[in-house]
Amino acid sequence: MKKVPVGVSARHIHLSPAHLDQLFGPGAELSVFKPLSQPGQFAANETVEVVGPKGSFAKVRILGPVRKRTQLEISRTDAFALGVNPPVRESGDIAGSAGITIKGPAGEVTIEEGVIVAARHIHFHTSDAERWGISDKQKLSVRLSGERGVVLENVVARVSPDFALDMHIDTDEANAAGAKTGDEAEIIG
């Protein structure tokens, strides 16, 4: 069996260095709240407010380290509440996506694109992918065995020697299956 640990990804934001400065002040740095499953990545102590045409969310956690481009990852339910229509995309693919206003303690920024619903995916270390015959960008079928078990289709395999084995789903998907962080999923196809 091909078992993979599950990580439920709540709404969060990745900031560029320029936007971090605009929102928190020149020379601002992120401080670590807790490490994440992927090496070198962390949930920061710092949070922002995101404001859409219909609603807003306060205390949206920033994930670090900073990235080249700012990106907000939300669930479809979050999108309805904000009044935006983001595409389902792999992280980093933000061209033509929805925009949003971001407020921090030192200022605010409106981005024209950068809001996505992250495609469900599994991070594979190269050795895990090789052992199971899985290639980068391959689409997989995965069974979640929560209270209301489901099979998820089109789960994207992301393979790198920098990754640790971990499946990322959003809160909508986890809630539908009754799954939580720390559960195991099974790759079935």
N, C-alpha and C. Protein backbone atom coordinates (compact mmCIF):
# COMPACT_ATOMS: atom_id res chain seq x y z
N MET A 1 0.83 -1.19 0.00
CA MET A 1 0.00 0.00 0.00
C MET A 1 0.87 1.25 0.00
N LYS A 2 0.37 2.26 -0.66
CA LYS A 2 1.08 3.55 -0.75
C LYS A 2 0.38 4.55 0.16
N LYS A 3 0.82 4.60 1.41
CA LYS A 3 0.22 5.48 2.42
C LYS A 3 0.98 6.80 2.48
N VAL A 4 0.21 7.88 2.62
CA VAL A 4 0.78 9.22 2.65
C VAL A 4 0.15 10.00 3.81
N PRO A 5 0.95 10.73 4.61
CA PRO A 5 0.36 11.56 5.65
C PRO A 5 -0.41 12.74 5.04
N VAL A 6 -1.50 13.12 5.70
CA VAL A 6 -2.35 14.20 5.22
C VAL A 6 -2.07 15.47 6.02
N GLY A 7 -1.99 16.57 5.30
CA GLY A 7 -1.90 17.89 5.92
C GLY A 7 -3.05 18.74 5.41
N VAL A 8 -3.87 19.27 6.31
CA VAL A 8 -4.98 20.13 5.91
C VAL A 8 -4.49 21.56 5.90
N SER A 9 -4.63 22.18 4.76
CA SER A 9 -4.11 23.52 4.56
C SER A 9 -5.23 24.55 4.68
N ALA A 10 -5.23 25.30 5.77
CA ALA A 10 -6.20 26.38 5.95
C ALA A 10 -5.77 27.58 5.10
N ARG A 11 -6.67 28.56 4.98
CA ARG A 11 -6.31 29.77 4.22
C ARG A 11 -5.00 30.34 4.75
N HIS A 12 -4.16 30.78 3.82
CA HIS A 12 -2.87 31.37 4.18
C HIS A 12 -2.36 32.21 3.02
N ILE A 13 -1.31 32.97 3.30
CA ILE A 13 -0.75 33.85 2.29
C ILE A 13 0.77 33.74 2.28
N HIS A 14 1.34 33.86 1.08
CA HIS A 14 2.78 33.95 0.88
C HIS A 14 3.03 35.38 0.40
N LEU A 15 4.02 36.05 0.97
CA LEU A 15 4.30 37.43 0.58
C LEU A 15 5.64 37.56 -0.12
N SER A 16 5.69 38.51 -1.06
CA SER A 16 6.95 38.89 -1.68
C SER A 16 7.69 39.81 -0.70
N PRO A 17 9.01 39.97 -0.85
CA PRO A 17 9.75 40.88 0.03
C PRO A 17 9.19 42.32 -0.03
N ALA A 18 8.85 42.79 -1.21
CA ALA A 18 8.33 44.16 -1.34
C ALA A 18 7.00 44.32 -0.61
N HIS A 19 6.11 43.33 -0.73
CA HIS A 19 4.82 43.43 -0.04
C HIS A 19 4.98 43.27 1.47
N LEU A 20 5.93 42.46 1.91
CA LEU A 20 6.20 42.35 3.35
C LEU A 20 6.61 43.71 3.90
N ASP A 21 7.48 44.43 3.18
CA ASP A 21 7.90 45.77 3.60
C ASP A 21 6.72 46.75 3.62
N GLN A 22 5.87 46.69 2.60
CA GLN A 22 4.73 47.60 2.54
C GLN A 22 3.73 47.34 3.67
N LEU A 23 3.54 46.10 4.01
CA LEU A 23 2.54 45.73 5.02
C LEU A 23 3.05 45.84 6.45
N PHE A 24 4.35 45.60 6.67
CA PHE A 24 4.90 45.55 8.02
C PHE A 24 5.99 46.58 8.28
N GLY A 25 6.38 47.32 7.25
CA GLY A 25 7.43 48.33 7.41
C GLY A 25 8.73 47.88 6.79
N PRO A 26 9.54 48.86 6.33
CA PRO A 26 10.81 48.54 5.68
C PRO A 26 11.71 47.67 6.56
N GLY A 27 12.27 46.65 5.95
CA GLY A 27 13.18 45.75 6.65
C GLY A 27 12.50 44.71 7.52
N ALA A 28 11.17 44.61 7.43
CA ALA A 28 10.43 43.63 8.25
C ALA A 28 10.87 42.21 7.90
N GLU A 29 10.86 41.36 8.91
CA GLU A 29 11.17 39.94 8.71
C GLU A 29 10.09 39.11 9.37
N LEU A 30 9.86 37.93 8.81
CA LEU A 30 8.89 37.00 9.40
C LEU A 30 9.54 36.25 10.55
N SER A 31 8.77 36.01 11.60
CA SER A 31 9.25 35.21 12.72
C SER A 31 8.47 33.90 12.77
N VAL A 32 9.14 32.85 13.21
CA VAL A 32 8.58 31.50 13.15
C VAL A 32 7.59 31.26 14.29
N PHE A 33 6.36 30.93 13.91
CA PHE A 33 5.34 30.47 14.86
C PHE A 33 5.50 28.97 15.06
N LYS A 34 5.56 28.22 13.91
CA LYS A 34 5.83 26.79 13.97
C LYS A 34 6.32 26.30 12.62
N PRO A 35 7.21 25.30 12.61
CA PRO A 35 7.67 24.72 11.35
C PRO A 35 6.54 23.96 10.67
N LEU A 36 6.59 23.88 9.34
CA LEU A 36 5.61 23.11 8.57
C LEU A 36 6.23 21.79 8.12
N SER A 37 5.45 20.98 7.44
CA SER A 37 5.91 19.63 7.05
C SER A 37 7.01 19.68 6.00
N GLN A 38 7.07 20.74 5.21
CA GLN A 38 8.10 20.82 4.19
C GLN A 38 9.35 21.51 4.75
N PRO A 39 10.52 20.93 4.50
CA PRO A 39 11.75 21.47 5.08
C PRO A 39 11.93 22.96 4.76
N GLY A 40 12.27 23.73 5.80
CA GLY A 40 12.55 25.15 5.64
C GLY A 40 11.32 26.05 5.60
N GLN A 41 10.12 25.47 5.56
CA GLN A 41 8.90 26.28 5.51
C GLN A 41 8.29 26.38 6.90
N PHE A 42 7.62 27.51 7.16
CA PHE A 42 7.06 27.73 8.49
C PHE A 42 5.83 28.62 8.44
N ALA A 43 4.99 28.46 9.46
CA ALA A 43 3.90 29.39 9.71
C ALA A 43 4.50 30.51 10.53
N ALA A 44 4.26 31.74 10.09
CA ALA A 44 4.83 32.91 10.77
C ALA A 44 3.90 33.38 11.89
N ASN A 45 4.46 34.10 12.83
CA ASN A 45 3.66 34.76 13.85
C ASN A 45 2.81 35.87 13.24
N GLU A 46 3.30 36.46 12.17
CA GLU A 46 2.64 37.60 11.55
C GLU A 46 1.41 37.18 10.76
N THR A 47 0.38 38.01 10.82
CA THR A 47 -0.86 37.79 10.08
C THR A 47 -1.27 39.08 9.38
N VAL A 48 -2.18 38.95 8.41
CA VAL A 48 -2.73 40.10 7.69
C VAL A 48 -4.24 39.95 7.61
N GLU A 49 -4.89 41.01 7.18
CA GLU A 49 -6.31 40.95 6.85
C GLU A 49 -6.41 40.95 5.33
N VAL A 50 -7.29 40.11 4.79
CA VAL A 50 -7.56 40.13 3.34
C VAL A 50 -8.99 40.60 3.14
N VAL A 51 -9.16 41.49 2.16
CA VAL A 51 -10.45 42.13 1.95
C VAL A 51 -10.87 41.94 0.49
N GLY A 52 -12.03 41.32 0.29
CA GLY A 52 -12.59 41.14 -1.04
C GLY A 52 -13.79 42.05 -1.23
N PRO A 53 -14.44 41.95 -2.39
CA PRO A 53 -15.60 42.79 -2.67
C PRO A 53 -16.79 42.54 -1.74
N LYS A 54 -16.87 41.33 -1.18
CA LYS A 54 -18.04 40.95 -0.39
C LYS A 54 -17.75 40.79 1.11
N GLY A 55 -16.53 40.46 1.45
CA GLY A 55 -16.21 40.19 2.84
C GLY A 55 -14.72 40.25 3.09
N SER A 56 -14.32 39.93 4.31
CA SER A 56 -12.90 39.96 4.67
C SER A 56 -12.60 38.88 5.71
N PHE A 57 -11.32 38.56 5.83
CA PHE A 57 -10.84 37.65 6.86
C PHE A 57 -9.68 38.33 7.58
N ALA A 58 -9.77 38.41 8.90
CA ALA A 58 -8.68 38.93 9.72
C ALA A 58 -7.76 37.78 10.10
N LYS A 59 -6.57 38.11 10.49
CA LYS A 59 -5.60 37.14 11.03
C LYS A 59 -5.30 35.97 10.09
N VAL A 60 -5.10 36.29 8.81
CA VAL A 60 -4.69 35.27 7.84
C VAL A 60 -3.19 35.05 8.02
N ARG A 61 -2.83 33.83 8.33
CA ARG A 61 -1.45 33.47 8.63
C ARG A 61 -0.56 33.61 7.39
N ILE A 62 0.62 34.18 7.60
CA ILE A 62 1.64 34.25 6.54
C ILE A 62 2.50 33.01 6.67
N LEU A 63 2.80 32.38 5.53
CA LEU A 63 3.74 31.27 5.52
C LEU A 63 5.07 31.76 4.97
N GLY A 64 6.13 31.30 5.57
CA GLY A 64 7.46 31.73 5.15
C GLY A 64 8.27 30.55 4.66
N PRO A 65 9.40 30.87 4.06
CA PRO A 65 9.97 32.19 3.91
C PRO A 65 9.28 33.00 2.80
N VAL A 66 9.71 34.26 2.63
CA VAL A 66 9.10 35.09 1.58
C VAL A 66 9.32 34.42 0.22
N ARG A 67 8.46 34.78 -0.73
CA ARG A 67 8.52 34.22 -2.08
C ARG A 67 8.68 35.34 -3.11
N LYS A 68 8.93 34.94 -4.34
CA LYS A 68 9.08 35.94 -5.40
C LYS A 68 7.81 36.76 -5.59
N ARG A 69 6.65 36.09 -5.49
CA ARG A 69 5.38 36.77 -5.74
C ARG A 69 4.39 36.46 -4.62
N THR A 70 3.55 37.43 -4.34
CA THR A 70 2.53 37.27 -3.31
C THR A 70 1.41 36.38 -3.82
N GLN A 71 0.95 35.47 -2.97
CA GLN A 71 -0.10 34.52 -3.35
C GLN A 71 -0.96 34.19 -2.14
N LEU A 72 -2.27 34.32 -2.28
CA LEU A 72 -3.24 33.94 -1.25
C LEU A 72 -3.87 32.63 -1.67
N GLU A 73 -3.83 31.63 -0.77
CA GLU A 73 -4.45 30.34 -1.03
C GLU A 73 -5.66 30.18 -0.11
N ILE A 74 -6.83 29.97 -0.72
CA ILE A 74 -8.07 29.87 0.03
C ILE A 74 -8.89 28.68 -0.48
N SER A 75 -9.91 28.34 0.27
CA SER A 75 -10.84 27.28 -0.17
C SER A 75 -11.94 27.92 -1.01
N ARG A 76 -12.73 27.10 -1.65
CA ARG A 76 -13.86 27.61 -2.43
C ARG A 76 -14.87 28.30 -1.51
N THR A 77 -15.09 27.78 -0.31
CA THR A 77 -15.98 28.42 0.65
C THR A 77 -15.47 29.82 1.02
N ASP A 78 -14.15 29.93 1.25
CA ASP A 78 -13.55 31.25 1.53
C ASP A 78 -13.78 32.20 0.36
N ALA A 79 -13.65 31.69 -0.86
CA ALA A 79 -13.82 32.52 -2.06
C ALA A 79 -15.22 33.12 -2.10
N PHE A 80 -16.24 32.31 -1.79
CA PHE A 80 -17.62 32.82 -1.77
C PHE A 80 -17.76 33.92 -0.73
N ALA A 81 -17.19 33.70 0.45
CA ALA A 81 -17.31 34.68 1.52
C ALA A 81 -16.61 36.00 1.17
N LEU A 82 -15.49 35.92 0.45
CA LEU A 82 -14.76 37.13 0.05
C LEU A 82 -15.38 37.80 -1.17
N GLY A 83 -16.10 37.02 -1.99
CA GLY A 83 -16.67 37.56 -3.22
C GLY A 83 -15.70 37.57 -4.38
N VAL A 84 -14.79 36.59 -4.40
CA VAL A 84 -13.83 36.46 -5.50
C VAL A 84 -14.01 35.10 -6.16
N ASN A 85 -13.49 34.97 -7.37
CA ASN A 85 -13.62 33.71 -8.10
C ASN A 85 -12.24 33.23 -8.56
N PRO A 86 -11.47 32.67 -7.63
CA PRO A 86 -10.12 32.22 -7.99
C PRO A 86 -10.15 30.88 -8.72
N PRO A 87 -9.17 30.68 -9.61
CA PRO A 87 -9.06 29.39 -10.28
C PRO A 87 -8.41 28.36 -9.36
N VAL A 88 -8.62 27.09 -9.67
CA VAL A 88 -7.91 26.01 -9.00
C VAL A 88 -6.59 25.85 -9.74
N ARG A 89 -5.50 26.05 -9.03
CA ARG A 89 -4.18 26.05 -9.65
C ARG A 89 -3.14 25.45 -8.72
N GLU A 90 -2.03 25.05 -9.33
CA GLU A 90 -0.87 24.67 -8.53
C GLU A 90 -0.25 25.93 -7.96
N SER A 91 0.30 25.82 -6.79
CA SER A 91 0.95 26.94 -6.14
C SER A 91 2.00 27.54 -7.08
N GLY A 92 2.01 28.87 -7.15
CA GLY A 92 2.94 29.58 -8.02
C GLY A 92 2.36 29.96 -9.36
N ASP A 93 1.30 29.29 -9.79
CA ASP A 93 0.66 29.59 -11.08
C ASP A 93 -0.47 30.59 -10.84
N ILE A 94 -0.13 31.88 -10.84
CA ILE A 94 -1.11 32.90 -10.49
C ILE A 94 -1.52 33.80 -11.65
N ALA A 95 -0.94 33.58 -12.83
CA ALA A 95 -1.26 34.46 -13.97
C ALA A 95 -2.77 34.44 -14.25
N GLY A 96 -3.36 35.64 -14.29
CA GLY A 96 -4.78 35.74 -14.61
C GLY A 96 -5.71 35.33 -13.48
N SER A 97 -5.18 35.12 -12.29
CA SER A 97 -6.02 34.73 -11.15
C SER A 97 -6.68 35.96 -10.53
N ALA A 98 -7.48 35.75 -9.51
CA ALA A 98 -8.21 36.83 -8.85
C ALA A 98 -7.27 37.74 -8.07
N GLY A 99 -7.73 38.96 -7.82
CA GLY A 99 -7.00 39.93 -7.00
C GLY A 99 -7.65 40.09 -5.64
N ILE A 100 -7.00 40.84 -4.75
CA ILE A 100 -7.48 41.02 -3.38
C ILE A 100 -6.73 42.20 -2.76
N THR A 101 -7.29 42.77 -1.71
CA THR A 101 -6.59 43.78 -0.93
C THR A 101 -6.08 43.13 0.35
N ILE A 102 -4.84 43.45 0.70
CA ILE A 102 -4.18 42.89 1.87
C ILE A 102 -3.82 44.04 2.80
N LYS A 103 -4.21 43.93 4.08
CA LYS A 103 -3.92 44.98 5.06
C LYS A 103 -3.01 44.44 6.15
N GLY A 104 -1.97 45.23 6.43
CA GLY A 104 -1.05 44.91 7.51
C GLY A 104 -0.96 46.09 8.46
N PRO A 105 -0.14 45.96 9.51
CA PRO A 105 -0.04 47.03 10.50
C PRO A 105 0.59 48.32 9.97
N ALA A 106 1.36 48.25 8.88
CA ALA A 106 2.05 49.44 8.37
C ALA A 106 1.49 49.94 7.04
N GLY A 107 0.52 49.24 6.46
CA GLY A 107 -0.02 49.67 5.18
C GLY A 107 -0.88 48.61 4.54
N GLU A 108 -1.29 48.89 3.32
CA GLU A 108 -2.09 47.92 2.57
C GLU A 108 -1.62 47.85 1.13
N VAL A 109 -1.94 46.72 0.50
CA VAL A 109 -1.55 46.44 -0.87
C VAL A 109 -2.76 45.83 -1.57
N THR A 110 -3.01 46.24 -2.80
CA THR A 110 -4.02 45.56 -3.62
C THR A 110 -3.28 44.86 -4.75
N ILE A 111 -3.43 43.54 -4.80
CA ILE A 111 -2.80 42.78 -5.88
C ILE A 111 -3.85 42.51 -6.96
N GLU A 112 -3.44 42.60 -8.21
CA GLU A 112 -4.36 42.38 -9.33
C GLU A 112 -4.57 40.89 -9.61
N GLU A 113 -3.60 40.08 -9.21
CA GLU A 113 -3.70 38.62 -9.35
C GLU A 113 -2.91 37.99 -8.22
N GLY A 114 -3.23 36.75 -7.91
CA GLY A 114 -2.50 36.05 -6.86
C GLY A 114 -3.38 35.24 -5.94
N VAL A 115 -4.70 35.25 -6.15
CA VAL A 115 -5.60 34.47 -5.30
C VAL A 115 -5.96 33.18 -6.03
N ILE A 116 -5.67 32.04 -5.40
CA ILE A 116 -5.99 30.74 -6.00
C ILE A 116 -6.62 29.82 -4.97
N VAL A 117 -7.32 28.81 -5.46
CA VAL A 117 -7.66 27.63 -4.68
C VAL A 117 -6.58 26.63 -5.07
N ALA A 118 -5.75 26.25 -4.11
CA ALA A 118 -4.61 25.38 -4.44
C ALA A 118 -5.10 24.01 -4.88
N ALA A 119 -4.54 23.53 -5.97
CA ALA A 119 -4.84 22.18 -6.42
C ALA A 119 -4.37 21.19 -5.36
N ARG A 120 -5.19 20.19 -5.08
CA ARG A 120 -4.77 19.16 -4.12
C ARG A 120 -3.52 18.50 -4.68
N HIS A 121 -2.58 18.23 -3.80
CA HIS A 121 -1.30 17.71 -4.28
C HIS A 121 -0.60 16.89 -3.20
N ILE A 122 0.37 16.12 -3.66
CA ILE A 122 1.23 15.37 -2.74
C ILE A 122 2.67 15.77 -3.04
N HIS A 123 3.39 16.16 -1.98
CA HIS A 123 4.82 16.40 -2.08
C HIS A 123 5.50 15.05 -1.93
N PHE A 124 6.34 14.71 -2.90
CA PHE A 124 7.12 13.48 -2.83
C PHE A 124 8.60 13.82 -2.81
N HIS A 125 9.33 13.22 -1.88
CA HIS A 125 10.78 13.25 -1.99
C HIS A 125 11.11 12.38 -3.20
N THR A 126 12.14 12.70 -3.90
CA THR A 126 12.52 11.97 -5.11
C THR A 126 12.60 10.46 -4.85
N SER A 127 13.14 10.06 -3.70
CA SER A 127 13.27 8.63 -3.41
C SER A 127 11.91 7.95 -3.25
N ASP A 128 10.94 8.64 -2.63
CA ASP A 128 9.59 8.07 -2.50
C ASP A 128 8.94 7.92 -3.87
N ALA A 129 9.07 8.92 -4.70
CA ALA A 129 8.47 8.88 -6.04
C ALA A 129 9.08 7.75 -6.87
N GLU A 130 10.39 7.61 -6.80
CA GLU A 130 11.06 6.53 -7.55
C GLU A 130 10.62 5.16 -7.05
N ARG A 131 10.52 5.01 -5.72
CA ARG A 131 10.13 3.72 -5.13
C ARG A 131 8.74 3.31 -5.59
N TRP A 132 7.83 4.30 -5.75
CA TRP A 132 6.45 4.01 -6.12
C TRP A 132 6.17 4.21 -7.61
N GLY A 133 7.18 4.58 -8.39
CA GLY A 133 6.98 4.74 -9.83
C GLY A 133 6.12 5.95 -10.18
N ILE A 134 6.26 7.02 -9.45
CA ILE A 134 5.45 8.22 -9.66
C ILE A 134 6.34 9.33 -10.21
N SER A 135 5.81 10.05 -11.20
CA SER A 135 6.58 11.12 -11.82
C SER A 135 6.00 12.49 -11.48
N ASP A 136 6.82 13.51 -11.58
CA ASP A 136 6.40 14.88 -11.29
C ASP A 136 5.25 15.27 -12.21
N LYS A 137 4.24 15.91 -11.65
CA LYS A 137 3.03 16.40 -12.34
C LYS A 137 2.04 15.30 -12.69
N GLN A 138 2.35 14.05 -12.34
CA GLN A 138 1.41 12.95 -12.59
C GLN A 138 0.14 13.21 -11.78
N LYS A 139 -1.01 12.86 -12.34
CA LYS A 139 -2.30 12.99 -11.64
C LYS A 139 -2.64 11.65 -11.00
N LEU A 140 -2.97 11.69 -9.72
CA LEU A 140 -3.21 10.47 -8.95
C LEU A 140 -4.63 10.44 -8.40
N SER A 141 -5.07 9.25 -8.02
CA SER A 141 -6.32 9.05 -7.28
C SER A 141 -5.94 8.63 -5.87
N VAL A 142 -6.59 9.27 -4.89
CA VAL A 142 -6.21 9.05 -3.50
C VAL A 142 -7.47 8.86 -2.65
N ARG A 143 -7.44 7.85 -1.78
CA ARG A 143 -8.57 7.58 -0.89
C ARG A 143 -8.29 8.20 0.48
N LEU A 144 -9.25 9.00 0.94
CA LEU A 144 -9.24 9.51 2.32
C LEU A 144 -10.24 8.67 3.11
N SER A 145 -9.82 8.13 4.24
CA SER A 145 -10.68 7.23 5.00
C SER A 145 -11.22 7.88 6.26
N GLY A 146 -11.62 9.12 6.19
CA GLY A 146 -12.21 9.79 7.35
C GLY A 146 -13.61 9.27 7.62
N GLU A 147 -14.32 9.98 8.49
CA GLU A 147 -15.69 9.58 8.84
C GLU A 147 -16.58 9.41 7.63
N ARG A 148 -16.34 10.25 6.61
CA ARG A 148 -17.14 10.21 5.38
C ARG A 148 -16.19 10.01 4.20
N GLY A 149 -15.42 8.93 4.23
CA GLY A 149 -14.37 8.68 3.26
C GLY A 149 -14.72 9.04 1.82
N VAL A 150 -13.75 9.56 1.12
CA VAL A 150 -13.92 9.94 -0.28
C VAL A 150 -12.69 9.54 -1.07
N VAL A 151 -12.86 9.48 -2.40
CA VAL A 151 -11.73 9.31 -3.30
C VAL A 151 -11.55 10.64 -4.01
N LEU A 152 -10.34 11.18 -3.93
CA LEU A 152 -10.00 12.42 -4.60
C LEU A 152 -9.28 12.11 -5.90
N GLU A 153 -9.76 12.69 -6.97
CA GLU A 153 -9.14 12.52 -8.28
C GLU A 153 -8.26 13.73 -8.58
N ASN A 154 -7.40 13.60 -9.58
CA ASN A 154 -6.56 14.71 -10.05
C ASN A 154 -5.71 15.31 -8.95
N VAL A 155 -5.14 14.45 -8.12
CA VAL A 155 -4.19 14.90 -7.10
C VAL A 155 -2.82 14.98 -7.78
N VAL A 156 -2.24 16.17 -7.77
CA VAL A 156 -0.99 16.41 -8.51
C VAL A 156 0.21 15.93 -7.71
N ALA A 157 1.05 15.13 -8.34
CA ALA A 157 2.32 14.71 -7.74
C ALA A 157 3.36 15.81 -7.97
N ARG A 158 3.99 16.25 -6.89
CA ARG A 158 5.05 17.24 -6.97
C ARG A 158 6.30 16.58 -6.40
N VAL A 159 7.31 16.38 -7.24
CA VAL A 159 8.48 15.60 -6.87
C VAL A 159 9.71 16.49 -6.82
N SER A 160 10.45 16.39 -5.71
CA SER A 160 11.69 17.16 -5.55
C SER A 160 12.52 16.53 -4.44
N PRO A 161 13.85 16.64 -4.56
CA PRO A 161 14.70 16.16 -3.46
C PRO A 161 14.57 17.07 -2.22
N ASP A 162 13.92 18.22 -2.38
CA ASP A 162 13.73 19.15 -1.26
C ASP A 162 12.43 18.93 -0.51
N PHE A 163 11.58 17.99 -0.96
CA PHE A 163 10.27 17.77 -0.35
C PHE A 163 10.30 16.62 0.64
N ALA A 164 9.36 16.68 1.58
CA ALA A 164 9.07 15.55 2.48
C ALA A 164 7.70 15.03 2.09
N LEU A 165 7.49 13.72 2.19
CA LEU A 165 6.24 13.09 1.78
C LEU A 165 5.08 13.65 2.60
N ASP A 166 4.10 14.25 1.90
CA ASP A 166 2.96 14.87 2.58
C ASP A 166 1.92 15.25 1.53
N MET A 167 0.66 14.95 1.82
CA MET A 167 -0.45 15.34 0.94
C MET A 167 -1.11 16.59 1.50
N HIS A 168 -1.37 17.57 0.63
CA HIS A 168 -2.03 18.81 1.04
C HIS A 168 -3.40 18.91 0.40
N ILE A 169 -4.41 19.04 1.27
CA ILE A 169 -5.78 19.29 0.83
C ILE A 169 -6.28 20.52 1.59
N ASP A 170 -7.31 21.17 1.06
CA ASP A 170 -7.81 22.35 1.76
C ASP A 170 -8.91 21.96 2.75
N THR A 171 -9.37 22.94 3.49
CA THR A 171 -10.34 22.67 4.56
C THR A 171 -11.67 22.15 4.02
N ASP A 172 -12.09 22.61 2.84
CA ASP A 172 -13.33 22.09 2.27
C ASP A 172 -13.23 20.59 2.01
N GLU A 173 -12.12 20.17 1.42
CA GLU A 173 -11.93 18.74 1.12
C GLU A 173 -11.84 17.92 2.40
N ALA A 174 -11.11 18.43 3.37
CA ALA A 174 -10.97 17.71 4.64
C ALA A 174 -12.32 17.59 5.34
N ASN A 175 -13.06 18.68 5.37
CA ASN A 175 -14.37 18.64 6.04
C ASN A 175 -15.33 17.68 5.35
N ALA A 176 -15.28 17.63 4.02
CA ALA A 176 -16.17 16.73 3.28
C ALA A 176 -15.92 15.27 3.64
N ALA A 177 -14.64 14.94 3.91
CA ALA A 177 -14.29 13.56 4.21
C ALA A 177 -14.24 13.27 5.71
N GLY A 178 -14.31 14.30 6.53
CA GLY A 178 -14.11 14.10 7.96
C GLY A 178 -12.66 13.78 8.26
N ALA A 179 -11.75 14.33 7.45
CA ALA A 179 -10.31 14.07 7.61
C ALA A 179 -9.65 15.22 8.36
N LYS A 180 -8.46 14.94 8.91
CA LYS A 180 -7.72 15.96 9.64
C LYS A 180 -6.22 15.75 9.42
N THR A 181 -5.46 16.79 9.74
CA THR A 181 -4.02 16.69 9.66
C THR A 181 -3.54 15.54 10.54
N GLY A 182 -2.65 14.74 9.98
CA GLY A 182 -2.13 13.59 10.70
C GLY A 182 -2.76 12.28 10.26
N ASP A 183 -3.91 12.37 9.58
CA ASP A 183 -4.51 11.15 9.03
C ASP A 183 -3.61 10.61 7.92
N GLU A 184 -3.92 9.41 7.46
CA GLU A 184 -3.22 8.83 6.32
C GLU A 184 -4.17 8.68 5.15
N ALA A 185 -3.64 8.93 3.96
CA ALA A 185 -4.38 8.70 2.73
C ALA A 185 -3.68 7.58 1.97
N GLU A 186 -4.42 6.95 1.06
CA GLU A 186 -3.84 5.86 0.27
C GLU A 186 -3.92 6.18 -1.20
N ILE A 187 -2.77 6.12 -1.87
CA ILE A 187 -2.74 6.32 -3.33
C ILE A 187 -3.27 5.04 -3.95
N ILE A 188 -4.35 5.17 -4.75
CA ILE A 188 -4.98 3.97 -5.33
C ILE A 188 -4.89 3.94 -6.84
N GLY A 189 -4.35 4.97 -7.43
CA GLY A 189 -4.23 4.97 -8.89
C GLY A 189 -3.55 6.20 -9.40
